[in-house]
Amino acid sequence: MTPTLLPQPATHTAGHHDTPLTPDWAEIVAITPEADGIATLWLKFTDPQVEQQYHFQPGQFNMLYVPGVGEAAISMSSDPDDERRLVGHTVRFVGNVTRAIGRLKIGDQLGVRGPFGTAWPMKTVEGRDLVVACGGIGLPPLRPALYHVVRNRERYGKVTLLYGARTSKDLLYPGEYEAWRKADITVEATVDRGDEHWDGRVGVVPMWFYNFRLDPRNTIVLTCGPEIMIRFVIYEALARRVPTDRIYVSLERNMKCGQGSCGHCQMGPYFVCKDGPVFPFSALAKYINVEEY
């Protein structure tokens, strides 16, 4: 059996190349509220050399450090080619570290280590159709991939975003959907529970994926979100005969170090922080329970 080839982590590009446990410092220059308990922090490195050296790929993450509190692994949610050299992280304030981040203000500083991990396979997708299926806070790690598609639209076939949230108030970045549509990306947003302010789709992402037509010979699926949603998206993709090595998953685990040293994020033989967070499903089939696969 041919071994599964995992995406390769990109080279560490922050200031401390030889000491990846040492953070660089970045100032919060803007904060964008996104939904209840979720905001995007826009960071600018205080060291101009680090600012020029730093570059990330869609799907990677940084370790954000609050002195006296600790670190949290947060995916970048901004455009990798942002001319302002700002790095955006969309953060849900649910744990000790992220709640501490939520109390910070413009002008405060955070320690940043990274970028770490594997990226979405944007070169592999070129010339093919792309389905992006995500839910809730799973959209931020995929947003840089959408920016990349917009910038290089001629390289990709049909592109569809299927995105779901609990309610219309929980949908992230709604102000950008029209710009994505103008870039010839089909955007289908759905909510679990509709209300008087919502006239769009109601239902979970896998349900709409079930009703979505695709060419399995020419489609690559990228998915991120709650793990139960991921499992059903994979199931629906497999039912359409999309090959396992063309379904890519971003996993969220308890990542403490970003370089596979502490073992907190181990899944089977893999360390999610180092071998992931982006994996082809062909590598995870033994470890993600997909009914009837």
Protein backbone atom coordinates (compact mmCIF):
# COMPACT_ATOMS: atom_id res chain seq x y z
CA MET A 1 0.00 0.00 0.00
CA THR A 2 1.34 3.43 -0.94
CA PRO A 3 1.86 5.54 2.21
CA THR A 4 -0.21 8.68 2.56
CA LEU A 5 1.78 11.82 1.89
CA LEU A 6 0.99 14.50 4.44
CA PRO A 7 1.21 18.20 3.63
CA GLN A 8 4.57 19.52 4.77
CA PRO A 9 4.69 22.20 7.48
CA ALA A 10 5.99 25.49 6.15
CA THR A 11 9.30 26.89 7.34
CA HIS A 12 9.12 28.85 10.60
CA THR A 13 9.28 32.47 9.43
CA ALA A 14 9.13 34.55 12.61
CA GLY A 15 12.15 36.25 14.12
CA HIS A 16 13.53 33.44 16.29
CA HIS A 17 14.32 30.79 13.68
CA ASP A 18 16.58 28.73 15.94
CA THR A 19 14.54 29.18 19.13
CA PRO A 20 10.90 28.56 18.20
CA LEU A 21 9.84 28.65 21.87
CA THR A 22 10.78 32.34 22.07
CA PRO A 23 7.88 34.66 21.17
CA ASP A 24 8.02 37.77 19.08
CA TRP A 25 5.91 40.70 20.21
CA ALA A 26 3.03 42.23 18.35
CA GLU A 27 0.76 45.17 19.12
CA ILE A 28 -3.01 44.98 18.83
CA VAL A 29 -3.80 47.76 16.34
CA ALA A 30 -7.49 47.00 15.82
CA ILE A 31 -10.24 44.78 17.20
CA THR A 32 -13.24 43.77 15.07
CA PRO A 33 -16.23 42.29 16.96
CA GLU A 34 -17.60 39.38 14.91
CA ALA A 35 -20.30 37.73 17.06
CA ASP A 36 -21.17 37.24 20.71
CA GLY A 37 -17.92 36.21 22.42
CA ILE A 38 -15.89 36.29 19.18
CA ALA A 39 -13.64 39.04 17.82
CA THR A 40 -10.80 39.44 15.33
CA LEU A 41 -7.58 40.91 16.72
CA TRP A 42 -5.32 42.62 14.18
CA LEU A 43 -1.66 42.35 15.14
CA LYS A 44 1.40 44.27 13.95
CA PHE A 45 4.87 43.04 14.93
CA THR A 46 6.84 45.58 16.93
CA ASP A 47 10.16 44.53 15.36
CA PRO A 48 10.28 45.76 11.71
CA GLN A 49 12.61 42.90 10.74
CA VAL A 50 10.18 40.31 12.09
CA GLU A 51 7.34 42.08 10.32
CA GLN A 52 9.17 41.78 6.98
CA GLN A 53 10.21 38.14 7.53
CA TYR A 54 6.88 36.85 8.76
CA HIS A 55 4.62 35.05 6.31
CA PHE A 56 2.00 32.37 6.78
CA GLN A 57 0.06 30.04 4.51
CA PRO A 58 -3.73 29.53 4.63
CA GLY A 59 -4.60 27.04 7.35
CA GLN A 60 -1.60 27.59 9.62
CA PHE A 61 -1.75 28.86 13.20
CA ASN A 62 0.20 30.92 15.72
CA MET A 63 0.69 30.40 19.44
CA LEU A 64 -0.55 33.59 21.12
CA TYR A 65 1.01 34.29 24.50
CA VAL A 66 -0.45 36.36 27.34
CA PRO A 67 2.23 36.91 30.02
CA GLY A 68 1.24 35.38 33.33
CA VAL A 69 -1.62 33.42 31.77
CA GLY A 70 -0.32 31.15 29.02
CA GLU A 71 -0.57 30.38 25.31
CA ALA A 72 -3.33 29.36 22.92
CA ALA A 73 -3.13 28.02 19.38
CA ILE A 74 -5.15 30.30 17.09
CA SER A 75 -5.39 30.00 13.30
CA MET A 76 -4.77 33.06 11.21
CA SER A 77 -7.95 34.42 9.63
CA SER A 78 -6.55 37.25 7.53
CA ASP A 79 -5.21 37.62 4.02
CA PRO A 80 -1.66 36.17 3.83
CA ASP A 81 -0.83 38.85 1.26
CA ASP A 82 -2.24 41.79 3.22
CA GLU A 83 -0.21 44.81 2.09
CA ARG A 84 -0.61 46.37 5.53
CA ARG A 85 1.46 43.50 7.01
CA LEU A 86 -1.23 42.93 9.64
CA VAL A 87 -2.00 39.45 10.95
CA GLY A 88 -5.60 38.74 11.98
CA HIS A 89 -6.74 36.10 14.46
CA THR A 90 -10.44 35.47 15.03
CA VAL A 91 -10.72 34.36 18.65
CA ARG A 92 -13.60 32.78 20.56
CA PHE A 93 -13.29 33.70 24.23
CA VAL A 94 -13.95 30.36 25.95
CA GLY A 95 -10.85 29.38 27.98
CA ASN A 96 -8.47 31.02 30.44
CA VAL A 97 -6.05 32.23 27.76
CA THR A 98 -8.63 33.32 25.22
CA ARG A 99 -10.67 35.11 27.88
CA ALA A 100 -7.49 36.96 28.85
CA ILE A 101 -6.98 37.84 25.18
CA GLY A 102 -10.57 39.11 25.13
CA ARG A 103 -9.77 41.57 27.91
CA LEU A 104 -6.91 43.15 25.95
CA LYS A 105 -7.33 46.52 24.28
CA ILE A 106 -5.90 48.33 21.27
CA GLY A 107 -2.28 49.19 22.07
CA ASP A 108 -1.70 46.11 24.24
CA GLN A 109 0.86 43.53 23.16
CA LEU A 110 0.81 39.76 22.70
CA GLY A 111 3.63 37.27 22.33
CA VAL A 112 3.48 35.43 19.00
CA ARG A 113 5.17 32.16 18.05
CA GLY A 114 4.76 30.77 14.58
CA PRO A 115 3.54 30.17 12.02
CA PHE A 116 3.15 26.47 12.73
CA GLY A 117 1.55 23.51 11.04
CA THR A 118 0.43 22.44 7.60
CA ALA A 119 -1.58 24.52 5.16
CA TRP A 120 -4.57 24.03 2.88
CA PRO A 121 -3.37 22.48 -0.42
CA MET A 122 -3.97 25.50 -2.62
CA LYS A 123 -1.54 24.32 -5.33
CA THR A 124 -3.19 20.88 -5.41
CA VAL A 125 -6.61 22.49 -5.87
CA GLU A 126 -5.52 24.48 -8.93
CA GLY A 127 -7.45 23.44 -12.03
CA ARG A 128 -10.10 21.65 -9.96
CA ASP A 129 -13.45 22.48 -8.41
CA LEU A 130 -13.34 23.40 -4.73
CA VAL A 131 -15.96 22.87 -2.02
CA VAL A 132 -15.33 24.63 1.29
CA ALA A 133 -17.63 23.19 3.98
CA CYS A 134 -17.40 24.68 7.46
CA GLY A 135 -19.38 25.55 10.54
CA GLY A 136 -19.15 28.13 13.32
CA ILE A 137 -15.59 29.06 14.23
CA GLY A 138 -14.41 26.73 11.45
CA LEU A 139 -14.65 29.52 8.87
CA PRO A 140 -11.70 31.63 10.17
CA PRO A 141 -9.02 29.01 9.30
CA LEU A 142 -10.52 28.80 5.79
CA ARG A 143 -10.92 32.53 5.22
CA PRO A 144 -7.25 32.94 4.10
CA ALA A 145 -7.83 30.20 1.52
CA LEU A 146 -10.85 32.11 0.19
CA TYR A 147 -8.75 35.28 -0.04
CA HIS A 148 -6.15 33.31 -1.98
CA VAL A 149 -8.83 32.04 -4.38
CA VAL A 150 -10.15 35.58 -4.90
CA ARG A 151 -6.64 36.84 -5.71
CA ASN A 152 -6.00 33.94 -8.10
CA ARG A 153 -9.50 33.16 -9.33
CA GLU A 154 -8.40 32.11 -12.81
CA ARG A 155 -6.49 29.15 -11.36
CA TYR A 156 -9.56 27.41 -9.93
CA GLY A 157 -12.71 25.84 -11.29
CA LYS A 158 -16.10 26.09 -9.63
CA VAL A 159 -15.73 27.27 -6.02
CA THR A 160 -18.48 26.84 -3.43
CA LEU A 161 -18.60 27.88 0.23
CA LEU A 162 -21.09 26.01 2.43
CA TYR A 163 -21.10 27.70 5.83
CA GLY A 164 -23.35 27.20 8.82
CA ALA A 165 -23.88 28.71 12.25
CA ARG A 166 -26.37 28.31 15.07
CA THR A 167 -28.25 31.55 14.31
CA SER A 168 -27.92 34.43 11.86
CA LYS A 169 -26.21 36.47 14.60
CA ASP A 170 -23.49 33.82 14.84
CA LEU A 171 -22.51 33.96 11.15
CA LEU A 172 -18.97 35.31 10.80
CA TYR A 173 -17.88 37.90 8.23
CA PRO A 174 -21.33 38.41 6.60
CA GLY A 175 -20.13 41.70 5.18
CA GLU A 176 -17.68 39.83 2.93
CA TYR A 177 -20.08 37.36 1.33
CA GLU A 178 -21.06 39.70 -1.49
CA ALA A 179 -17.41 40.38 -2.41
CA TRP A 180 -16.80 36.62 -2.55
CA ARG A 181 -19.85 36.18 -4.76
CA LYS A 182 -18.58 38.91 -7.09
CA ALA A 183 -15.39 36.85 -7.37
CA ASP A 184 -17.52 33.98 -8.73
CA ILE A 185 -17.60 32.02 -5.47
CA THR A 186 -20.97 30.45 -4.67
CA VAL A 187 -21.72 31.32 -1.03
CA GLU A 188 -24.42 29.27 0.70
CA ALA A 189 -24.97 30.26 4.34
CA THR A 190 -27.30 28.29 6.59
CA VAL A 191 -28.37 28.48 10.23
CA ASP A 192 -29.58 25.84 12.66
CA ARG A 193 -32.42 28.05 13.86
CA GLY A 194 -34.03 30.75 11.76
CA ASP A 195 -35.81 33.85 13.08
CA GLU A 196 -37.73 36.85 11.75
CA HIS A 197 -34.44 38.42 10.58
CA TRP A 198 -33.36 35.41 8.50
CA ASP A 199 -34.77 34.47 5.10
CA GLY A 200 -31.97 32.16 4.00
CA ARG A 201 -31.36 28.43 4.38
CA VAL A 202 -32.14 26.61 7.63
CA GLY A 203 -30.38 23.35 8.47
CA VAL A 204 -26.94 21.96 9.15
CA VAL A 205 -24.10 22.06 6.61
CA PRO A 206 -24.03 18.29 5.88
CA MET A 207 -27.72 18.41 4.98
CA TRP A 208 -27.07 21.06 2.33
CA PHE A 209 -23.95 19.22 1.23
CA TYR A 210 -26.21 16.22 0.62
CA ASN A 211 -28.30 18.30 -1.80
CA PHE A 212 -25.28 19.80 -3.53
CA ARG A 213 -24.16 18.49 -6.92
CA LEU A 214 -20.46 18.01 -7.65
CA ASP A 215 -18.13 16.21 -10.01
CA PRO A 216 -16.24 13.70 -7.83
CA ARG A 217 -13.54 13.26 -10.46
CA ASN A 218 -12.62 16.94 -10.32
CA THR A 219 -13.51 18.13 -6.80
CA ILE A 220 -11.46 18.77 -3.68
CA VAL A 221 -13.22 19.31 -0.35
CA LEU A 222 -11.84 21.44 2.49
CA THR A 223 -13.66 21.20 5.82
CA CYS A 224 -13.29 22.64 9.31
CA GLY A 225 -15.62 23.10 12.26
CA PRO A 226 -17.21 20.97 14.99
CA GLU A 227 -15.91 17.43 14.68
CA ILE A 228 -19.38 15.93 14.34
CA MET A 229 -20.01 18.22 11.37
CA ILE A 230 -16.66 17.25 9.85
CA ARG A 231 -17.53 13.55 10.12
CA PHE A 232 -20.84 14.01 8.29
CA VAL A 233 -19.25 16.20 5.59
CA ILE A 234 -16.67 13.46 5.03
CA TYR A 235 -19.43 10.87 4.90
CA GLU A 236 -21.34 12.84 2.27
CA ALA A 237 -18.18 13.42 0.22
CA LEU A 238 -17.37 9.71 0.32
CA ALA A 239 -20.94 8.90 -0.70
CA ARG A 240 -20.32 11.05 -3.81
CA ARG A 241 -17.14 9.04 -4.45
CA VAL A 242 -14.74 11.89 -3.76
CA PRO A 243 -11.39 10.13 -3.15
CA THR A 244 -10.10 10.13 0.43
CA ASP A 245 -6.93 11.97 -0.58
CA ARG A 246 -9.02 14.84 -2.00
CA ILE A 247 -10.86 15.52 1.26
CA TYR A 248 -8.84 17.78 3.55
CA VAL A 249 -9.66 18.30 7.22
CA SER A 250 -8.41 20.85 9.76
CA LEU A 251 -8.50 19.47 13.29
CA GLU A 252 -8.65 21.31 16.60
CA ARG A 253 -6.79 19.70 19.48
CA ASN A 254 -5.21 20.79 22.75
CA MET A 255 -2.01 22.18 21.22
CA LYS A 256 0.45 23.44 23.82
CA CYS A 257 3.83 23.73 22.08
CA GLY A 258 3.30 23.98 18.32
CA GLN A 259 6.17 21.64 17.46
CA GLY A 260 5.20 18.14 18.55
CA SER A 261 7.19 18.14 21.78
CA CYS A 262 4.57 17.99 24.54
CA GLY A 263 2.32 15.27 23.11
CA HIS A 264 -0.97 16.91 24.16
CA CYS A 265 -2.33 16.91 20.61
CA GLN A 266 -1.34 13.39 19.58
CA MET A 267 -3.84 11.52 17.42
CA GLY A 268 -2.73 8.03 16.50
CA PRO A 269 0.81 8.42 15.12
CA TYR A 270 0.33 12.11 14.37
CA PHE A 271 0.88 15.33 16.30
CA VAL A 272 -1.84 17.72 15.17
CA CYS A 273 0.32 20.80 15.77
CA LYS A 274 3.19 19.49 13.63
CA ASP A 275 1.74 16.95 11.18
CA GLY A 276 -1.47 19.00 10.91
CA PRO A 277 -3.71 20.77 11.61
CA VAL A 278 -4.57 20.18 7.93
CA PHE A 279 -4.68 16.49 6.96
CA PRO A 280 -5.95 14.53 3.97
CA PHE A 281 -8.70 12.23 5.17
CA SER A 282 -6.73 9.30 3.74
CA ALA A 283 -4.33 9.78 6.69
CA LEU A 284 -7.10 9.98 9.29
CA ALA A 285 -9.52 7.28 8.16
CA LYS A 286 -8.45 4.97 11.00
CA TYR A 287 -8.86 7.66 13.64
CA ILE A 288 -12.00 9.62 12.65
CA ASN A 289 -15.16 7.55 12.99
CA VAL A 290 -17.16 8.02 9.81
CA GLU A 291 -20.20 5.78 9.88
CA GLU A 292 -20.30 3.09 7.21
CA TYR A 293 -16.97 4.13 5.69
